[in-house]
N, C-alpha and C. Protein backbone atom coordinates (compact mmCIF):
# COMPACT_ATOMS: atom_id res chain seq x y z
N MET A 1 0.60 -0.78 -0.12
CA MET A 1 0.01 0.08 -0.08
C MET A 1 1.31 1.02 -0.15
N THR A 2 1.94 1.18 0.22
CA THR A 2 2.87 2.61 0.40
C THR A 2 2.96 3.03 -0.68
N THR A 3 3.26 2.81 -1.82
CA THR A 3 3.74 2.73 -3.18
C THR A 3 2.45 3.70 -3.21
N LEU A 4 0.81 3.07 -3.50
CA LEU A 4 -0.30 3.64 -3.70
C LEU A 4 -0.52 4.76 -2.96
N ARG A 5 0.11 4.91 -1.89
CA ARG A 5 -0.06 5.95 -1.19
C ARG A 5 0.59 7.17 -1.48
N ARG A 6 1.83 6.95 -2.62
CA ARG A 6 2.19 7.95 -3.30
C ARG A 6 1.84 8.33 -4.87
N LEU A 7 0.90 7.45 -4.85
CA LEU A 7 0.10 8.41 -6.02
C LEU A 7 -1.01 9.50 -5.99
N SER A 8 -1.03 10.18 -6.73
CA SER A 8 -1.80 11.78 -7.01
C SER A 8 -3.28 10.86 -7.01
N ALA A 9 -4.27 12.18 -6.70
CA ALA A 9 -5.46 12.08 -6.40
C ALA A 9 -5.58 11.00 -7.98
N ARG A 10 -5.83 11.62 -8.73
CA ARG A 10 -5.71 11.84 -10.11
C ARG A 10 -5.49 10.28 -11.03
N THR A 11 -4.26 9.89 -10.66
CA THR A 11 -3.37 8.86 -11.11
C THR A 11 -4.20 7.78 -10.67
N LEU A 12 -4.63 7.54 -9.22
CA LEU A 12 -5.42 6.72 -8.55
C LEU A 12 -6.81 6.53 -9.02
N ARG A 13 -7.28 7.74 -9.10
CA ARG A 13 -8.54 7.11 -10.10
C ARG A 13 -8.82 6.77 -11.11
N ARG A 14 -7.01 6.86 -12.08
CA ARG A 14 -7.34 6.05 -13.33
C ARG A 14 -7.07 4.37 -13.29
N ALA A 15 -5.79 4.45 -12.05
CA ALA A 15 -5.53 3.15 -11.38
C ALA A 15 -6.86 2.37 -11.67
N LEU A 16 -7.54 2.70 -10.04
CA LEU A 16 -8.91 1.90 -9.63
C LEU A 16 -10.05 1.64 -11.47
N ASN A 17 -9.84 3.02 -11.74
CA ASN A 17 -11.00 2.87 -13.59
C ASN A 17 -10.44 1.23 -14.32
N LEU A 18 -9.60 0.92 -14.23
CA LEU A 18 -8.29 0.10 -14.94
C LEU A 18 -8.73 -1.45 -14.45
N TRP A 19 -8.39 -1.12 -12.80
CA TRP A 19 -8.07 -2.26 -11.86
C TRP A 19 -9.65 -3.96 -12.00
N PRO A 20 -9.00 -4.14 -12.62
CA PRO A 20 -10.43 -5.38 -12.82
C PRO A 20 -11.77 -5.68 -11.84
N PRO A 21 -11.72 -5.62 -10.69
CA PRO A 21 -13.01 -5.44 -10.12
C PRO A 21 -13.97 -4.81 -10.14
N PHE A 22 -13.44 -3.77 -10.53
CA PHE A 22 -13.70 -2.59 -10.83
C PHE A 22 -14.63 -2.32 -12.03
N LEU A 23 -13.59 -2.16 -13.12
CA LEU A 23 -13.16 -2.43 -14.22
C LEU A 23 -15.19 -3.44 -14.97
N PHE A 24 -14.66 -4.74 -14.57
CA PHE A 24 -15.33 -5.34 -15.17
C PHE A 24 -16.52 -5.39 -14.05
N ALA A 25 -16.70 -4.52 -13.33
CA ALA A 25 -18.05 -4.13 -12.20
C ALA A 25 -18.87 -3.36 -12.79
N GLY A 26 -18.51 -2.93 -14.27
CA GLY A 26 -18.98 -1.49 -14.36
C GLY A 26 -18.89 -0.18 -13.18
N ILE A 27 -17.76 -0.59 -12.39
CA ILE A 27 -17.73 0.60 -11.22
C ILE A 27 -17.16 1.79 -11.91
N HIS A 28 -17.11 3.07 -12.09
CA HIS A 28 -16.32 3.80 -12.61
C HIS A 28 -15.81 4.76 -11.68
N VAL A 29 -14.79 5.55 -10.90
CA VAL A 29 -14.33 5.93 -10.25
C VAL A 29 -14.71 7.19 -10.74
N VAL A 30 -15.58 8.64 -10.54
CA VAL A 30 -16.10 9.91 -11.68
C VAL A 30 -14.57 10.85 -11.58
N ALA A 31 -14.26 10.32 -9.57
CA ALA A 31 -13.40 11.94 -8.98
C ALA A 31 -12.69 11.38 -7.87
N ILE A 32 -11.77 11.95 -8.06
CA ILE A 32 -11.23 11.77 -6.43
C ILE A 32 -10.61 13.46 -6.23
N ALA A 33 -11.13 14.14 -4.69
CA ALA A 33 -10.04 15.66 -4.72
C ALA A 33 -9.17 15.58 -4.78
N ASP A 34 -8.22 16.35 -5.58
CA ASP A 34 -6.82 16.18 -5.28
C ASP A 34 -6.46 16.29 -3.47
N ASP A 35 -7.25 16.61 -2.29
CA ASP A 35 -7.33 16.67 -1.32
C ASP A 35 -7.70 15.70 -0.71
N TRP A 36 -8.21 14.86 -1.33
CA TRP A 36 -8.70 13.76 -0.73
C TRP A 36 -9.97 13.97 0.19
N ARG A 37 -10.93 14.79 -0.04
CA ARG A 37 -11.96 15.03 1.06
C ARG A 37 -12.87 14.91 0.05
N HIS A 38 -12.60 14.53 -0.95
CA HIS A 38 -14.09 13.80 -1.74
C HIS A 38 -13.77 13.30 -2.55
N ALA A 39 -15.03 12.39 -2.81
CA ALA A 39 -14.84 10.93 -4.20
C ALA A 39 -16.36 10.91 -4.71
N ARG A 40 -16.26 10.64 -5.96
CA ARG A 40 -17.82 10.16 -6.20
C ARG A 40 -17.59 9.34 -7.45
N VAL A 41 -18.43 7.97 -7.04
CA VAL A 41 -18.50 6.50 -7.49
C VAL A 41 -19.89 6.16 -8.38
N GLU A 42 -19.56 5.22 -9.41
CA GLU A 42 -20.63 5.28 -10.09
C GLU A 42 -20.72 4.11 -10.60
N LEU A 43 -22.12 3.10 -10.69
CA LEU A 43 -22.19 1.23 -10.95
C LEU A 43 -22.90 1.79 -12.26
N ARG A 44 -22.54 1.44 -13.37
CA ARG A 44 -23.08 1.75 -14.21
C ARG A 44 -23.79 0.57 -14.20
N MET A 45 -25.18 -0.20 -15.18
CA MET A 45 -25.98 -1.34 -15.00
C MET A 45 -24.99 -2.01 -16.44
N ARG A 46 -24.95 -3.24 -16.27
CA ARG A 46 -24.35 -3.97 -17.73
C ARG A 46 -24.73 -5.01 -17.36
N PRO A 47 -25.04 -5.80 -18.35
CA PRO A 47 -25.57 -7.09 -18.94
C PRO A 47 -25.14 -8.04 -16.89
N TRP A 48 -24.03 -8.10 -17.26
CA TRP A 48 -22.74 -9.06 -16.57
C TRP A 48 -22.95 -8.88 -14.80
N ASN A 49 -23.60 -7.31 -14.64
CA ASN A 49 -23.55 -7.16 -13.21
C ASN A 49 -24.64 -6.52 -12.90
N ARG A 50 -26.24 -6.95 -13.03
CA ARG A 50 -27.61 -7.26 -13.04
C ARG A 50 -27.82 -8.88 -12.16
N ASN A 51 -28.52 -8.87 -11.15
CA ASN A 51 -29.40 -10.14 -10.56
C ASN A 51 -30.41 -11.03 -11.08
N TYR A 52 -30.40 -11.80 -10.43
CA TYR A 52 -31.57 -12.56 -11.62
C TYR A 52 -32.71 -11.98 -11.93
N VAL A 53 -33.39 -10.41 -10.79
CA VAL A 53 -34.49 -10.29 -11.53
C VAL A 53 -33.99 -8.86 -12.09
N GLY A 54 -33.43 -8.73 -12.74
CA GLY A 54 -32.38 -7.58 -13.33
C GLY A 54 -32.36 -6.29 -13.04
N SER A 55 -31.68 -6.21 -11.46
CA SER A 55 -31.54 -4.92 -10.62
C SER A 55 -30.19 -5.38 -10.30
N HIS A 56 -29.18 -4.31 -10.28
CA HIS A 56 -28.04 -5.01 -9.61
C HIS A 56 -27.53 -5.49 -8.94
N PHE A 57 -26.62 -6.21 -9.10
CA PHE A 57 -26.12 -7.49 -8.01
C PHE A 57 -25.70 -6.87 -6.93
N GLY A 58 -26.02 -6.96 -5.62
CA GLY A 58 -25.14 -6.09 -4.25
C GLY A 58 -24.60 -6.46 -3.92
N GLY A 59 -23.75 -7.28 -4.58
CA GLY A 59 -21.96 -7.32 -4.32
C GLY A 59 -21.18 -6.43 -4.88
N SER A 60 -21.77 -5.70 -6.36
CA SER A 60 -21.26 -4.51 -7.05
C SER A 60 -21.71 -3.55 -6.58
N LEU A 61 -22.81 -3.67 -5.73
CA LEU A 61 -23.59 -2.41 -5.37
C LEU A 61 -22.62 -1.34 -3.57
N PHE A 62 -21.94 -2.94 -3.09
CA PHE A 62 -21.26 -3.15 -1.58
C PHE A 62 -19.75 -2.69 -2.48
N ALA A 63 -19.83 -2.91 -3.49
CA ALA A 63 -17.71 -2.91 -3.90
C ALA A 63 -17.51 -1.84 -4.04
N MET A 64 -18.90 -0.83 -4.93
CA MET A 64 -18.18 0.52 -5.15
C MET A 64 -17.85 1.54 -4.23
N THR A 65 -18.48 1.07 -2.93
CA THR A 65 -18.03 1.30 -2.24
C THR A 65 -17.00 1.04 -1.35
N ASP A 66 -16.38 0.23 -1.14
CA ASP A 66 -16.02 -0.63 -1.01
C ASP A 66 -14.34 -0.18 -0.22
N PRO A 67 -13.24 0.48 -1.09
CA PRO A 67 -12.15 1.32 -0.81
C PRO A 67 -12.27 2.81 0.16
N PHE A 68 -13.31 3.75 -0.56
CA PHE A 68 -13.16 4.63 -0.15
C PHE A 68 -12.92 5.51 0.65
N TRP A 69 -13.41 5.13 1.56
CA TRP A 69 -13.55 6.19 3.24
C TRP A 69 -11.89 6.01 3.57
N MET A 70 -11.34 4.12 3.20
CA MET A 70 -10.15 3.67 3.93
C MET A 70 -9.37 5.22 3.28
N LEU A 71 -9.38 4.99 1.29
CA LEU A 71 -8.29 5.85 0.33
C LEU A 71 -8.45 7.04 1.26
N LEU A 72 -9.51 8.15 1.42
CA LEU A 72 -9.93 9.06 1.41
C LEU A 72 -9.00 9.39 2.95
N VAL A 73 -9.59 8.95 3.79
CA VAL A 73 -9.33 9.15 5.94
C VAL A 73 -7.33 8.89 5.39
N MET A 74 -6.64 7.82 5.11
CA MET A 74 -5.26 7.43 4.93
C MET A 74 -4.48 8.58 4.31
N ASN A 75 -5.20 8.98 3.12
CA ASN A 75 -4.52 10.50 2.25
C ASN A 75 -4.23 11.67 2.81
N ALA A 76 -6.15 11.65 3.62
CA ALA A 76 -6.22 13.32 4.03
C ALA A 76 -4.96 13.54 5.33
N ILE A 77 -4.90 11.90 6.38
CA ILE A 77 -4.73 12.16 7.72
C ILE A 77 -2.92 11.98 7.60
N GLY A 78 -2.71 11.62 6.80
CA GLY A 78 -1.41 11.70 6.74
C GLY A 78 -0.65 10.23 7.06
N ASP A 79 0.84 10.54 6.88
CA ASP A 79 1.35 9.16 7.09
C ASP A 79 1.94 8.78 8.35
N ASP A 80 1.38 9.23 9.31
CA ASP A 80 1.59 8.59 10.66
C ASP A 80 1.12 8.15 11.27
N HIS A 81 -0.39 7.40 10.79
CA HIS A 81 -1.62 6.83 10.72
C HIS A 81 -1.45 5.83 10.41
N ILE A 82 -2.18 5.05 10.88
CA ILE A 82 -2.32 3.51 10.29
C ILE A 82 -3.85 3.69 10.41
N VAL A 83 -4.69 3.10 8.84
CA VAL A 83 -5.43 2.84 8.82
C VAL A 83 -5.88 2.11 7.94
N TRP A 84 -7.35 1.55 8.71
CA TRP A 84 -7.50 0.43 7.74
C TRP A 84 -8.96 -0.17 8.15
N ASP A 85 -10.00 -0.85 6.95
CA ASP A 85 -11.53 -1.14 7.06
C ASP A 85 -11.25 -2.25 8.34
N ARG A 86 -11.95 -1.92 9.17
CA ARG A 86 -12.26 -3.25 10.03
C ARG A 86 -13.56 -3.88 10.07
N ALA A 87 -14.79 -3.30 9.59
CA ALA A 87 -16.19 -3.67 9.49
C ALA A 87 -16.79 -2.73 8.50
N ALA A 88 -18.01 -3.60 8.19
CA ALA A 88 -19.02 -2.78 7.33
C ALA A 88 -20.55 -3.31 7.03
N ALA A 89 -20.81 -2.56 6.85
CA ALA A 89 -22.60 -3.27 6.39
C ALA A 89 -23.64 -2.66 5.50
N ILE A 90 -24.29 -3.42 5.34
CA ILE A 90 -24.78 -2.66 3.66
C ILE A 90 -26.29 -3.03 3.82
N ASP A 91 -26.97 -1.53 3.54
CA ASP A 91 -29.09 -2.32 4.11
C ASP A 91 -29.57 -1.85 2.73
N PHE A 92 -30.05 -2.66 1.83
CA PHE A 92 -30.96 -2.82 0.68
C PHE A 92 -32.30 -1.79 0.59
N GLU A 93 -32.30 -0.52 0.11
CA GLU A 93 -33.77 -0.30 0.16
C GLU A 93 -34.66 -0.37 -0.66
N LYS A 94 -33.85 -0.11 -1.67
CA LYS A 94 -34.57 -0.25 -2.76
C LYS A 94 -34.30 -1.35 -4.41
N PRO A 95 -34.19 -1.57 -5.26
CA PRO A 95 -33.86 -1.77 -6.45
C PRO A 95 -33.19 -0.71 -7.52
N GLY A 96 -31.58 -1.84 -7.21
CA GLY A 96 -31.37 -0.68 -8.12
C GLY A 96 -31.14 -0.66 -9.67
N ARG A 97 -31.61 0.17 -10.52
CA ARG A 97 -31.44 0.35 -12.15
C ARG A 97 -31.00 0.87 -12.72
N GLY A 98 -30.32 0.99 -13.69
CA GLY A 98 -29.70 1.85 -14.55
C GLY A 98 -27.96 2.54 -13.90
N THR A 99 -27.92 4.32 -14.08
CA THR A 99 -26.43 4.28 -12.90
C THR A 99 -26.94 4.47 -11.77
N VAL A 100 -25.92 4.01 -11.03
CA VAL A 100 -26.25 4.59 -9.63
C VAL A 100 -25.04 5.83 -8.75
N VAL A 101 -25.35 6.22 -7.47
CA VAL A 101 -24.07 6.73 -7.76
C VAL A 101 -23.65 6.99 -5.91
N ALA A 102 -22.58 7.06 -5.94
CA ALA A 102 -22.22 7.38 -4.31
C ALA A 102 -21.11 7.66 -3.89
N GLU A 103 -21.18 8.83 -2.43
CA GLU A 103 -20.57 10.57 -3.01
C GLU A 103 -20.37 10.30 -1.01
N PHE A 104 -19.05 10.60 -0.96
CA PHE A 104 -17.60 10.17 -0.26
C PHE A 104 -17.77 11.80 0.09
N ASN A 105 -17.93 12.69 1.37
CA ASN A 105 -16.97 13.85 1.66
C ASN A 105 -16.48 13.48 3.27
N LEU A 106 -15.65 13.82 3.14
CA LEU A 106 -14.84 13.88 4.31
C LEU A 106 -14.12 15.66 4.95
N ASP A 107 -14.94 15.69 5.99
CA ASP A 107 -14.72 17.13 6.21
C ASP A 107 -13.43 17.76 7.11
N ASP A 108 -13.48 18.27 7.59
CA ASP A 108 -11.63 18.47 7.69
C ASP A 108 -11.73 18.45 9.70
N ALA A 109 -13.22 18.83 9.82
CA ALA A 109 -13.71 18.30 12.05
C ALA A 109 -13.51 17.05 11.82
N VAL A 110 -13.77 16.32 10.82
CA VAL A 110 -14.08 14.39 10.62
C VAL A 110 -12.68 14.39 11.76
N LEU A 111 -11.40 14.95 9.99
CA LEU A 111 -10.20 14.46 10.79
C LEU A 111 -9.61 15.01 11.59
N GLU A 112 -9.95 16.38 12.11
CA GLU A 112 -9.29 16.77 13.28
C GLU A 112 -9.79 15.95 14.68
N GLU A 113 -11.30 15.25 14.66
CA GLU A 113 -11.45 14.65 15.47
C GLU A 113 -10.42 13.16 15.86
N LEU A 114 -9.93 12.94 14.73
CA LEU A 114 -9.60 11.22 14.62
C LEU A 114 -8.08 11.78 14.46
N ARG A 115 -7.46 12.86 14.78
CA ARG A 115 -6.20 13.78 14.87
C ARG A 115 -6.46 13.74 16.52
N ALA A 116 -7.68 14.33 16.95
CA ALA A 116 -7.09 14.41 18.53
C ALA A 116 -7.45 12.97 19.41
N ALA A 117 -8.36 12.26 18.64
CA ALA A 117 -8.62 10.22 19.45
C ALA A 117 -8.01 10.00 19.42
N THR A 118 -6.52 10.25 18.20
CA THR A 118 -5.33 9.52 18.07
C THR A 118 -4.14 10.32 19.02
N ALA A 119 -4.02 10.69 19.13
CA ALA A 119 -2.72 11.46 18.98
C ALA A 119 -1.73 10.78 20.82
N ASP A 120 -2.44 10.17 21.16
CA ASP A 120 -1.59 9.45 22.54
C ASP A 120 -1.72 8.56 22.42
N GLY A 121 -1.96 7.98 20.82
CA GLY A 121 -1.51 6.69 20.60
C GLY A 121 -2.60 5.56 20.26
N ASP A 122 -3.98 5.66 21.04
CA ASP A 122 -4.58 5.23 21.32
C ASP A 122 -5.47 4.93 19.76
N LYS A 123 -5.74 4.25 20.03
CA LYS A 123 -6.60 3.05 18.59
C LYS A 123 -8.04 4.10 18.77
N VAL A 124 -9.03 4.18 17.08
CA VAL A 124 -10.69 4.54 17.26
C VAL A 124 -10.62 3.50 16.00
N LEU A 125 -11.77 3.41 16.47
CA LEU A 125 -12.61 2.97 15.50
C LEU A 125 -13.61 3.86 15.37
N ARG A 126 -14.34 4.26 13.77
CA ARG A 126 -15.23 4.88 13.65
C ARG A 126 -15.75 4.72 12.73
N TRP A 127 -17.39 4.92 12.34
CA TRP A 127 -18.75 4.51 11.62
C TRP A 127 -18.49 5.78 10.40
N PHE A 128 -18.13 5.84 9.24
CA PHE A 128 -18.63 6.50 8.02
C PHE A 128 -20.00 6.00 7.35
N ASP A 129 -20.63 6.75 6.41
CA ASP A 129 -22.33 6.15 6.21
C ASP A 129 -22.24 7.06 4.74
N THR A 130 -22.53 6.18 3.70
CA THR A 130 -22.89 6.36 2.92
C THR A 130 -23.77 5.91 1.76
N ALA A 131 -24.49 6.89 1.11
CA ALA A 131 -25.73 6.65 0.22
C ALA A 131 -25.63 6.59 -1.01
N ILE A 132 -26.45 5.61 -1.37
CA ILE A 132 -26.20 4.77 -2.69
C ILE A 132 -27.52 5.08 -3.36
N ARG A 133 -27.18 6.31 -4.56
CA ARG A 133 -28.89 7.38 -5.36
C ARG A 133 -29.05 6.70 -6.18
N ASP A 134 -30.27 6.56 -7.19
CA ASP A 134 -29.94 6.23 -8.16
C ASP A 134 -30.28 7.63 -9.04
N ALA A 135 -30.54 8.29 -10.65
CA ALA A 135 -30.58 9.24 -11.45
C ALA A 135 -31.32 10.07 -10.56
N ASP A 136 -32.24 9.46 -10.02
CA ASP A 136 -34.19 10.17 -9.84
C ASP A 136 -33.60 10.68 -8.24
N HIS A 137 -32.62 9.91 -7.57
CA HIS A 137 -31.42 10.83 -6.09
C HIS A 137 -32.61 9.81 -4.97
N ASP A 138 -33.52 8.81 -5.73
CA ASP A 138 -34.25 7.85 -4.93
C ASP A 138 -32.62 7.06 -3.84
N LEU A 139 -32.89 6.75 -2.36
CA LEU A 139 -32.06 5.63 -1.91
C LEU A 139 -32.13 4.14 -2.38
N VAL A 140 -31.50 3.98 -2.76
CA VAL A 140 -30.71 2.01 -3.54
C VAL A 140 -30.48 1.54 -2.12
N ALA A 141 -29.41 2.27 -1.35
CA ALA A 141 -28.66 1.36 -0.30
C ALA A 141 -28.03 1.96 0.41
N ARG A 142 -27.86 2.08 1.46
CA ARG A 142 -26.86 2.34 2.99
C ARG A 142 -25.84 1.77 2.62
N VAL A 143 -24.72 2.48 3.03
CA VAL A 143 -23.56 1.66 3.35
C VAL A 143 -22.50 2.68 4.53
N ARG A 144 -22.92 0.98 5.47
CA ARG A 144 -21.15 1.81 6.84
C ARG A 144 -20.20 1.11 6.86
N LYS A 145 -19.45 1.93 7.16
CA LYS A 145 -17.70 1.86 6.97
C LYS A 145 -16.72 1.69 8.25
N GLN A 146 -16.74 1.15 8.85
CA GLN A 146 -15.47 1.12 9.93
C GLN A 146 -13.87 1.25 9.60
N LEU A 147 -13.59 2.33 10.31
CA LEU A 147 -12.36 2.19 9.45
C LEU A 147 -11.46 2.27 11.26
N TYR A 148 -10.36 1.70 10.80
CA TYR A 148 -9.52 1.58 12.60
C TYR A 148 -8.55 2.66 12.57
N LEU A 149 -7.77 3.58 13.13
CA LEU A 149 -6.79 3.78 13.30
C LEU A 149 -6.46 4.58 14.61
N ARG A 150 -4.77 4.40 14.45
CA ARG A 150 -3.89 4.42 15.31
C ARG A 150 -2.97 5.78 14.85
N ARG A 151 -2.47 6.27 16.01
CA ARG A 151 -0.77 7.39 15.29
C ARG A 151 -0.03 6.33 15.28
N LYS A 152 1.22 6.54 14.75
CA LYS A 152 2.71 5.12 14.57
C LYS A 152 2.67 5.22 15.57
N ARG A 153 3.24 3.94 16.18
CA ARG A 153 4.46 4.51 16.99
C ARG A 153 5.97 4.89 16.43
N ALA A 154 6.10 5.97 17.39
CA ALA A 154 7.77 6.40 16.93
C ALA A 154 8.63 4.97 16.92
N ARG A 155 9.88 5.00 16.36
CA ARG A 155 10.71 4.73 15.85
C ARG A 155 12.00 4.67 16.56
C-alpha cells in the first residue's frame, strides 16, 4: 500500500478505473479530489452485473463503496497514522437500476476529531455512512464502513 499512497488522487482514480474488479463490475470512479476530501463513484448497469431480477447485484453495490473511506482518510490524515477497514454493513432500500452513484465527503472537522482521538497512540474505531442513489436521487442502499485508526509508534 505504500506505493499507492504516493500516487496523486488523479493517478489513483485512473488506476482504480482500470482495476479488474471495478472495470468488470461496471464501477467507474468519476472523481477523487486532489485534497482527498471527496470522491464520486458510479455503478453502471451492464448485463454482467445484473442479478436474477434485473437490478444491480448487491455485491457490486457494496464493491463500489469498499475502499473509498479508507483511501480518503489514509491520504488526508497523513503518513503518521495507520488506517484499515474493520467492519461494514449494507442495507438495501430499493432495487437499483440504471446508473447509481455514491458520494464520499470527508470533513476537516472529522479529520481533526480523528487526529485528536489518536494523538496519544490510542486506537479509534469510527463509522462512516454512504448513500447509494439512483438517477432520481432515490435511496438504493446505505453502506456503513468502520475504520480502525491509530497513530504510528515512534521508532
